[in-house]
Amino acid sequence: MTGGEAYRAKLITDDGLDAAISAYLADPSAPAVLEINKGSLDIAAAVLAHQLSAEELAVVDATPARRRNAVRTAVLLAPVA
C-alpha cells in the first residue's frame, strides 16, 4: 500500500498529513513519521526515495508551497512499511 492509497482509503486524514509535512519541513533532520494503521511512513525516507521531490527541496528560492507540494508528492507515492 502506498501513502496515496492509504489517503484515498481514509487511513490518513488531511490534518495528519499536513502535520507530518509541516514537522518535516520545520526540521528535516528530526524524525517525522506518519502512523497508518499498523504501519508507518518515514517522511524523510520518502523524500529521499523520490528524486524529483529531493531536487525540488534543494532549490534555494523555492516557495513554501512548492516545498510542501514536493513533500506531499513523495509521501503519497511512498510505500507504507
PDB file of N, CA and C in Angstrom:
ATOM      1  N   MET A   1       0.848  -1.169   0.000  1.00  0.00           N
ATOM      2  CA  MET A   1       0.000   0.000   0.000  1.00  0.00           C
ATOM      3  C   MET A   1       0.897   1.237   0.000  1.00  0.00           C
ATOM      4  N   THR A   2       0.519   2.234  -0.759  1.00  0.00           N
ATOM      5  CA  THR A   2       1.248   3.498  -0.779  1.00  0.00           C
ATOM      6  C   THR A   2       0.545   4.519   0.116  1.00  0.00           C
ATOM      7  N   GLY A   3       1.212   5.627   0.348  1.00  0.00           N
ATOM      8  CA  GLY A   3       0.601   6.701   1.115  1.00  0.00           C
ATOM      9  C   GLY A   3      -0.660   7.211   0.432  1.00  0.00           C
ATOM     10  N   GLY A   4      -0.644   7.281  -0.887  1.00  0.00           N
ATOM     11  CA  GLY A   4      -1.814   7.738  -1.641  1.00  0.00           C
ATOM     12  C   GLY A   4      -2.989   6.786  -1.501  1.00  0.00           C
ATOM     13  N   GLU A   5      -2.717   5.493  -1.537  1.00  0.00           N
ATOM     14  CA  GLU A   5      -3.790   4.507  -1.359  1.00  0.00           C
ATOM     15  C   GLU A   5      -4.368   4.604   0.048  1.00  0.00           C
ATOM     16  N   ALA A   6      -3.504   4.793   1.034  1.00  0.00           N
ATOM     17  CA  ALA A   6      -3.970   4.950   2.413  1.00  0.00           C
ATOM     18  C   ALA A   6      -4.792   6.228   2.556  1.00  0.00           C
ATOM     19  N   TYR A   7      -4.391   7.277   1.869  1.00  0.00           N
ATOM     20  CA  TYR A   7      -5.116   8.547   1.912  1.00  0.00           C
ATOM     21  C   TYR A   7      -6.506   8.390   1.286  1.00  0.00           C
ATOM     22  N   ARG A   8      -6.579   7.737   0.139  1.00  0.00           N
ATOM     23  CA  ARG A   8      -7.877   7.519  -0.519  1.00  0.00           C
ATOM     24  C   ARG A   8      -8.785   6.615   0.313  1.00  0.00           C
ATOM     25  N   ALA A   9      -8.186   5.700   1.072  1.00  0.00           N
ATOM     26  CA  ALA A   9      -8.957   4.791   1.926  1.00  0.00           C
ATOM     27  C   ALA A   9      -9.300   5.446   3.265  1.00  0.00           C
ATOM     28  N   LYS A  10      -8.958   6.719   3.416  1.00  0.00           N
ATOM     29  CA  LYS A  10      -9.244   7.491   4.634  1.00  0.00           C
ATOM     30  C   LYS A  10      -8.481   6.988   5.854  1.00  0.00           C
ATOM     31  N   LEU A  11      -7.340   6.333   5.627  1.00  0.00           N
ATOM     32  CA  LEU A  11      -6.489   5.893   6.733  1.00  0.00           C
ATOM     33  C   LEU A  11      -5.555   7.012   7.172  1.00  0.00           C
ATOM     34  N   ILE A  12      -5.419   8.029   6.312  1.00  0.00           N
ATOM     35  CA  ILE A  12      -4.659   9.233   6.624  1.00  0.00           C
ATOM     36  C   ILE A  12      -5.605  10.408   6.493  1.00  0.00           C
ATOM     37  N   THR A  13      -5.667  11.239   7.510  1.00  0.00           N
ATOM     38  CA  THR A  13      -6.521  12.424   7.440  1.00  0.00           C
ATOM     39  C   THR A  13      -5.733  13.596   6.840  1.00  0.00           C
ATOM     40  N   ASP A  14      -6.456  14.585   6.369  1.00  0.00           N
ATOM     41  CA  ASP A  14      -5.796  15.791   5.864  1.00  0.00           C
ATOM     42  C   ASP A  14      -4.952  16.435   6.956  1.00  0.00           C
ATOM     43  N   ASP A  15      -5.515  16.498   8.166  1.00  0.00           N
ATOM     44  CA  ASP A  15      -4.786  17.109   9.285  1.00  0.00           C
ATOM     45  C   ASP A  15      -3.521  16.328   9.622  1.00  0.00           C
ATOM     46  N   GLY A  16      -3.607  15.014   9.615  1.00  0.00           N
ATOM     47  CA  GLY A  16      -2.441  14.180   9.909  1.00  0.00           C
ATOM     48  C   GLY A  16      -1.360  14.331   8.855  1.00  0.00           C
ATOM     49  N   LEU A  17      -1.768  14.367   7.604  1.00  0.00           N
ATOM     50  CA  LEU A  17      -0.822  14.535   6.513  1.00  0.00           C
ATOM     51  C   LEU A  17      -0.169  15.914   6.586  1.00  0.00           C
ATOM     52  N   ASP A  18      -0.961  16.944   6.797  1.00  0.00           N
ATOM     53  CA  ASP A  18      -0.428  18.304   6.910  1.00  0.00           C
ATOM     54  C   ASP A  18       0.532  18.437   8.094  1.00  0.00           C
ATOM     55  N   ALA A  19       0.185  17.822   9.221  1.00  0.00           N
ATOM     56  CA  ALA A  19       1.054  17.891  10.406  1.00  0.00           C
ATOM     57  C   ALA A  19       2.390  17.209  10.140  1.00  0.00           C
ATOM     58  N   ALA A  20       2.379  16.062   9.485  1.00  0.00           N
ATOM     59  CA  ALA A  20       3.616  15.341   9.187  1.00  0.00           C
ATOM     60  C   ALA A  20       4.488  16.139   8.215  1.00  0.00           C
ATOM     61  N   ILE A  21       3.874  16.741   7.205  1.00  0.00           N
ATOM     62  CA  ILE A  21       4.618  17.550   6.241  1.00  0.00           C
ATOM     63  C   ILE A  21       5.215  18.772   6.932  1.00  0.00           C
ATOM     64  N   SER A  22       4.426  19.431   7.760  1.00  0.00           N
ATOM     65  CA  SER A  22       4.909  20.617   8.482  1.00  0.00           C
ATOM     66  C   SER A  22       6.067  20.268   9.408  1.00  0.00           C
ATOM     67  N   ALA A  23       5.954  19.129  10.102  1.00  0.00           N
ATOM     68  CA  ALA A  23       7.022  18.702  11.009  1.00  0.00           C
ATOM     69  C   ALA A  23       8.306  18.452  10.231  1.00  0.00           C
ATOM     70  N   TYR A  24       8.197  17.805   9.090  1.00  0.00           N
ATOM     71  CA  TYR A  24       9.383  17.541   8.278  1.00  0.00           C
ATOM     72  C   TYR A  24       9.998  18.840   7.778  1.00  0.00           C
ATOM     73  N   LEU A  25       9.180  19.736   7.259  1.00  0.00           N
ATOM     74  CA  LEU A  25       9.699  20.991   6.717  1.00  0.00           C
ATOM     75  C   LEU A  25      10.306  21.883   7.801  1.00  0.00           C
ATOM     76  N   ALA A  26       9.785  21.790   9.003  1.00  0.00           N
ATOM     77  CA  ALA A  26      10.322  22.595  10.103  1.00  0.00           C
ATOM     78  C   ALA A  26      11.735  22.150  10.478  1.00  0.00           C
ATOM     79  N   ASP A  27      11.975  20.836  10.434  1.00  0.00           N
ATOM     80  CA  ASP A  27      13.297  20.305  10.769  1.00  0.00           C
ATOM     81  C   ASP A  27      13.484  18.957  10.069  1.00  0.00           C
ATOM     82  N   PRO A  28      14.034  18.971   8.850  1.00  0.00           N
ATOM     83  CA  PRO A  28      14.211  17.723   8.098  1.00  0.00           C
ATOM     84  C   PRO A  28      15.100  16.683   8.785  1.00  0.00           C
ATOM     85  N   SER A  29      15.922  17.115   9.740  1.00  0.00           N
ATOM     86  CA  SER A  29      16.801  16.162  10.419  1.00  0.00           C
ATOM     87  C   SER A  29      16.101  15.441  11.574  1.00  0.00           C
ATOM     88  N   ALA A  30      14.972  15.969  12.026  1.00  0.00           N
ATOM     89  CA  ALA A  30      14.211  15.334  13.114  1.00  0.00           C
ATOM     90  C   ALA A  30      13.311  14.239  12.538  1.00  0.00           C
ATOM     91  N   PRO A  31      13.093  13.185  13.302  1.00  0.00           N
ATOM     92  CA  PRO A  31      12.212  12.126  12.802  1.00  0.00           C
ATOM     93  C   PRO A  31      10.782  12.631  12.627  1.00  0.00           C
ATOM     94  N   ALA A  32      10.234  12.376  11.450  1.00  0.00           N
ATOM     95  CA  ALA A  32       8.826  12.706  11.168  1.00  0.00           C
ATOM     96  C   ALA A  32       8.213  11.446  10.578  1.00  0.00           C
ATOM     97  N   VAL A  33       7.295  10.851  11.310  1.00  0.00           N
ATOM     98  CA  VAL A  33       6.702   9.583  10.907  1.00  0.00           C
ATOM     99  C   VAL A  33       5.195   9.737  10.883  1.00  0.00           C
ATOM    100  N   LEU A  34       4.591   9.199   9.852  1.00  0.00           N
ATOM    101  CA  LEU A  34       3.146   9.202   9.715  1.00  0.00           C
ATOM    102  C   LEU A  34       2.649   7.797  10.030  1.00  0.00           C
ATOM    103  N   GLU A  35       1.891   7.660  11.100  1.00  0.00           N
ATOM    104  CA  GLU A  35       1.357   6.354  11.502  1.00  0.00           C
ATOM    105  C   GLU A  35       0.113   6.039  10.673  1.00  0.00           C
ATOM    106  N   ILE A  36       0.093   4.846  10.097  1.00  0.00           N
ATOM    107  CA  ILE A  36      -1.026   4.413   9.251  1.00  0.00           C
ATOM    108  C   ILE A  36      -1.419   3.011   9.687  1.00  0.00           C
ATOM    109  N   ASN A  37      -2.545   2.920  10.388  1.00  0.00           N
ATOM    110  CA  ASN A  37      -2.980   1.641  10.956  1.00  0.00           C
ATOM    111  C   ASN A  37      -1.829   0.992  11.707  1.00  0.00           C
ATOM    112  N   LYS A  38      -1.401  -0.190  11.269  1.00  0.00           N
ATOM    113  CA  LYS A  38      -0.320  -0.896  11.941  1.00  0.00           C
ATOM    114  C   LYS A  38       1.029  -0.609  11.284  1.00  0.00           C
ATOM    115  N   GLY A  39       1.027   0.253  10.269  1.00  0.00           N
ATOM    116  CA  GLY A  39       2.263   0.597   9.577  1.00  0.00           C
ATOM    117  C   GLY A  39       2.656   2.035   9.826  1.00  0.00           C
ATOM    118  N   SER A  40       3.722   2.429   9.195  1.00  0.00           N
ATOM    119  CA  SER A  40       4.182   3.810   9.324  1.00  0.00           C
ATOM    120  C   SER A  40       4.906   4.212   8.049  1.00  0.00           C
ATOM    121  N   LEU A  41       5.068   5.503   7.911  1.00  0.00           N
ATOM    122  CA  LEU A  41       5.744   6.045   6.744  1.00  0.00           C
ATOM    123  C   LEU A  41       6.722   7.110   7.228  1.00  0.00           C
ATOM    124  N   ASP A  42       7.997   6.894   6.973  1.00  0.00           N
ATOM    125  CA  ASP A  42       9.052   7.824   7.351  1.00  0.00           C
ATOM    126  C   ASP A  42       9.102   8.921   6.280  1.00  0.00           C
ATOM    127  N   ILE A  43       8.810  10.146   6.671  1.00  0.00           N
ATOM    128  CA  ILE A  43       8.720  11.249   5.719  1.00  0.00           C
ATOM    129  C   ILE A  43      10.077  11.518   5.059  1.00  0.00           C
ATOM    130  N   ALA A  44      11.144  11.557   5.839  1.00  0.00           N
ATOM    131  CA  ALA A  44      12.473  11.824   5.278  1.00  0.00           C
ATOM    132  C   ALA A  44      12.876  10.747   4.272  1.00  0.00           C
ATOM    133  N   ALA A  45      12.614   9.499   4.576  1.00  0.00           N
ATOM    134  CA  ALA A  45      12.944   8.406   3.662  1.00  0.00           C
ATOM    135  C   ALA A  45      12.124   8.509   2.380  1.00  0.00           C
ATOM    136  N   ALA A  46      10.870   8.913   2.515  1.00  0.00           N
ATOM    137  CA  ALA A  46      10.012   9.075   1.343  1.00  0.00           C
ATOM    138  C   ALA A  46      10.550  10.163   0.424  1.00  0.00           C
ATOM    139  N   VAL A  47      10.994  11.264   1.009  1.00  0.00           N
ATOM    140  CA  VAL A  47      11.540  12.363   0.212  1.00  0.00           C
ATOM    141  C   VAL A  47      12.840  11.939  -0.468  1.00  0.00           C
ATOM    142  N   LEU A  48      13.706  11.275   0.267  1.00  0.00           N
ATOM    143  CA  LEU A  48      14.974  10.830  -0.319  1.00  0.00           C
ATOM    144  C   LEU A  48      14.761   9.815  -1.435  1.00  0.00           C
ATOM    145  N   ALA A  49      13.744   8.999  -1.323  1.00  0.00           N
ATOM    146  CA  ALA A  49      13.459   7.978  -2.328  1.00  0.00           C
ATOM    147  C   ALA A  49      12.832   8.560  -3.590  1.00  0.00           C
ATOM    148  N   HIS A  50      12.242   9.726  -3.472  1.00  0.00           N
ATOM    149  CA  HIS A  50      11.589  10.356  -4.615  1.00  0.00           C
ATOM    150  C   HIS A  50      12.500  11.462  -5.135  1.00  0.00           C
ATOM    151  N   GLN A  51      13.215  11.187  -6.210  1.00  0.00           N
ATOM    152  CA  GLN A  51      14.253  12.075  -6.701  1.00  0.00           C
ATOM    153  C   GLN A  51      13.737  13.479  -7.017  1.00  0.00           C
ATOM    154  N   LEU A  52      12.594  13.595  -7.675  1.00  0.00           N
ATOM    155  CA  LEU A  52      12.074  14.915  -8.025  1.00  0.00           C
ATOM    156  C   LEU A  52      11.777  15.748  -6.784  1.00  0.00           C
ATOM    157  N   SER A  53      11.223  15.123  -5.753  1.00  0.00           N
ATOM    158  CA  SER A  53      10.940  15.847  -4.515  1.00  0.00           C
ATOM    159  C   SER A  53      12.229  16.316  -3.853  1.00  0.00           C
ATOM    160  N   ALA A  54      13.222  15.453  -3.808  1.00  0.00           N
ATOM    161  CA  ALA A  54      14.504  15.832  -3.214  1.00  0.00           C
ATOM    162  C   ALA A  54      15.131  16.993  -3.986  1.00  0.00           C
ATOM    163  N   GLU A  55      15.031  16.958  -5.309  1.00  0.00           N
ATOM    164  CA  GLU A  55      15.569  18.047  -6.122  1.00  0.00           C
ATOM    165  C   GLU A  55      14.810  19.347  -5.881  1.00  0.00           C
ATOM    166  N   GLU A  56      13.498  19.272  -5.756  1.00  0.00           N
ATOM    167  CA  GLU A  56      12.686  20.464  -5.503  1.00  0.00           C
ATOM    168  C   GLU A  56      13.061  21.102  -4.165  1.00  0.00           C
ATOM    169  N   LEU A  57      13.307  20.295  -3.168  1.00  0.00           N
ATOM    170  CA  LEU A  57      13.669  20.831  -1.856  1.00  0.00           C
ATOM    171  C   LEU A  57      15.062  21.458  -1.860  1.00  0.00           C
ATOM    172  N   ALA A  58      15.883  21.093  -2.816  1.00  0.00           N
ATOM    173  CA  ALA A  58      17.231  21.659  -2.909  1.00  0.00           C
ATOM    174  C   ALA A  58      17.251  23.009  -3.622  1.00  0.00           C
ATOM    175  N   VAL A  59      16.145  23.375  -4.246  1.00  0.00           N
ATOM    176  CA  VAL A  59      16.081  24.663  -4.942  1.00  0.00           C
ATOM    177  C   VAL A  59      16.067  25.772  -3.895  1.00  0.00           C
ATOM    178  N   VAL A  60      17.042  26.655  -3.964  1.00  0.00           N
ATOM    179  CA  VAL A  60      17.227  27.683  -2.943  1.00  0.00           C
ATOM    180  C   VAL A  60      16.040  28.633  -2.854  1.00  0.00           C
ATOM    181  N   ASP A  61      15.505  29.074  -3.972  1.00  0.00           N
ATOM    182  CA  ASP A  61      14.432  30.067  -3.955  1.00  0.00           C
ATOM    183  C   ASP A  61      13.032  29.453  -4.094  1.00  0.00           C
ATOM    184  N   ALA A  62      12.895  28.179  -3.778  1.00  0.00           N
ATOM    185  CA  ALA A  62      11.584  27.524  -3.869  1.00  0.00           C
ATOM    186  C   ALA A  62      10.624  28.123  -2.848  1.00  0.00           C
ATOM    187  N   THR A  63       9.393  28.328  -3.263  1.00  0.00           N
ATOM    188  CA  THR A  63       8.386  28.889  -2.366  1.00  0.00           C
ATOM    189  C   THR A  63       7.964  27.837  -1.338  1.00  0.00           C
ATOM    190  N   PRO A  64       7.397  28.267  -0.231  1.00  0.00           N
ATOM    191  CA  PRO A  64       6.903  27.302   0.756  1.00  0.00           C
ATOM    192  C   PRO A  64       5.871  26.331   0.159  1.00  0.00           C
ATOM    193  N   ALA A  65       5.018  26.828  -0.722  1.00  0.00           N
ATOM    194  CA  ALA A  65       4.018  25.948  -1.347  1.00  0.00           C
ATOM    195  C   ALA A  65       4.686  24.896  -2.224  1.00  0.00           C
ATOM    196  N   ARG A  66       5.708  25.291  -2.927  1.00  0.00           N
ATOM    197  CA  ARG A  66       6.442  24.353  -3.782  1.00  0.00           C
ATOM    198  C   ARG A  66       7.115  23.278  -2.934  1.00  0.00           C
ATOM    199  N   ARG A  67       7.705  23.665  -1.821  1.00  0.00           N
ATOM    200  CA  ARG A  67       8.340  22.699  -0.909  1.00  0.00           C
ATOM    201  C   ARG A  67       7.299  21.746  -0.320  1.00  0.00           C
ATOM    202  N   ARG A  68       6.170  22.303   0.110  1.00  0.00           N
ATOM    203  CA  ARG A  68       5.103  21.493   0.696  1.00  0.00           C
ATOM    204  C   ARG A  68       4.582  20.470  -0.326  1.00  0.00           C
ATOM    205  N   ASN A  69       4.382  20.911  -1.551  1.00  0.00           N
ATOM    206  CA  ASN A  69       3.887  20.010  -2.595  1.00  0.00           C
ATOM    207  C   ASN A  69       4.896  18.910  -2.918  1.00  0.00           C
ATOM    208  N   ALA A  70       6.176  19.233  -2.864  1.00  0.00           N
ATOM    209  CA  ALA A  70       7.206  18.226  -3.128  1.00  0.00           C
ATOM    210  C   ALA A  70       7.169  17.133  -2.062  1.00  0.00           C
ATOM    211  N   VAL A  71       7.046  17.531  -0.804  1.00  0.00           N
ATOM    212  CA  VAL A  71       6.994  16.550   0.280  1.00  0.00           C
ATOM    213  C   VAL A  71       5.695  15.751   0.195  1.00  0.00           C
ATOM    214  N   ARG A  72       4.592  16.417  -0.062  1.00  0.00           N
ATOM    215  CA  ARG A  72       3.299  15.726  -0.169  1.00  0.00           C
ATOM    216  C   ARG A  72       3.336  14.669  -1.281  1.00  0.00           C
ATOM    217  N   THR A  73       3.917  15.022  -2.420  1.00  0.00           N
ATOM    218  CA  THR A  73       4.033  14.071  -3.519  1.00  0.00           C
ATOM    219  C   THR A  73       4.839  12.845  -3.109  1.00  0.00           C
ATOM    220  N   ALA A  74       5.959  13.081  -2.450  1.00  0.00           N
ATOM    221  CA  ALA A  74       6.812  11.963  -2.009  1.00  0.00           C
ATOM    222  C   ALA A  74       6.053  11.059  -1.036  1.00  0.00           C
ATOM    223  N   VAL A  75       5.322  11.653  -0.121  1.00  0.00           N
ATOM    224  CA  VAL A  75       4.564  10.871   0.880  1.00  0.00           C
ATOM    225  C   VAL A  75       3.476  10.039   0.202  1.00  0.00           C
ATOM    226  N   LEU A  76       2.747  10.633  -0.714  1.00  0.00           N
ATOM    227  CA  LEU A  76       1.643   9.921  -1.348  1.00  0.00           C
ATOM    228  C   LEU A  76       2.117   8.798  -2.273  1.00  0.00           C
ATOM    229  N   LEU A  77       3.339   8.905  -2.775  1.00  0.00           N
ATOM    230  CA  LEU A  77       3.884   7.857  -3.654  1.00  0.00           C
ATOM    231  C   LEU A  77       4.667   6.786  -2.905  1.00  0.00           C
ATOM    232  N   ALA A  78       5.025   7.058  -1.659  1.00  0.00           N
ATOM    233  CA  ALA A  78       5.871   6.135  -0.894  1.00  0.00           C
ATOM    234  C   ALA A  78       5.095   4.919  -0.382  1.00  0.00           C
ATOM    235  N   PRO A  79       5.762   3.781  -0.297  1.00  0.00           N
ATOM    236  CA  PRO A  79       5.124   2.595   0.272  1.00  0.00           C
ATOM    237  C   PRO A  79       5.047   2.703   1.800  1.00  0.00           C
ATOM    238  N   VAL A  80       3.980   2.188   2.356  1.00  0.00           N
ATOM    239  CA  VAL A  80       3.802   2.157   3.809  1.00  0.00           C
ATOM    240  C   VAL A  80       4.463   0.881   4.322  1.00  0.00           C
ATOM    241  N   ALA A  81       5.302   1.035   5.319  1.00  0.00           N
ATOM    242  CA  ALA A  81       6.004  -0.136   5.887  1.00  0.00           C
ATOM    243  C   ALA A  81       5.284  -0.635   7.127  1.00  0.00           C
TER     244      ALA A  81
END
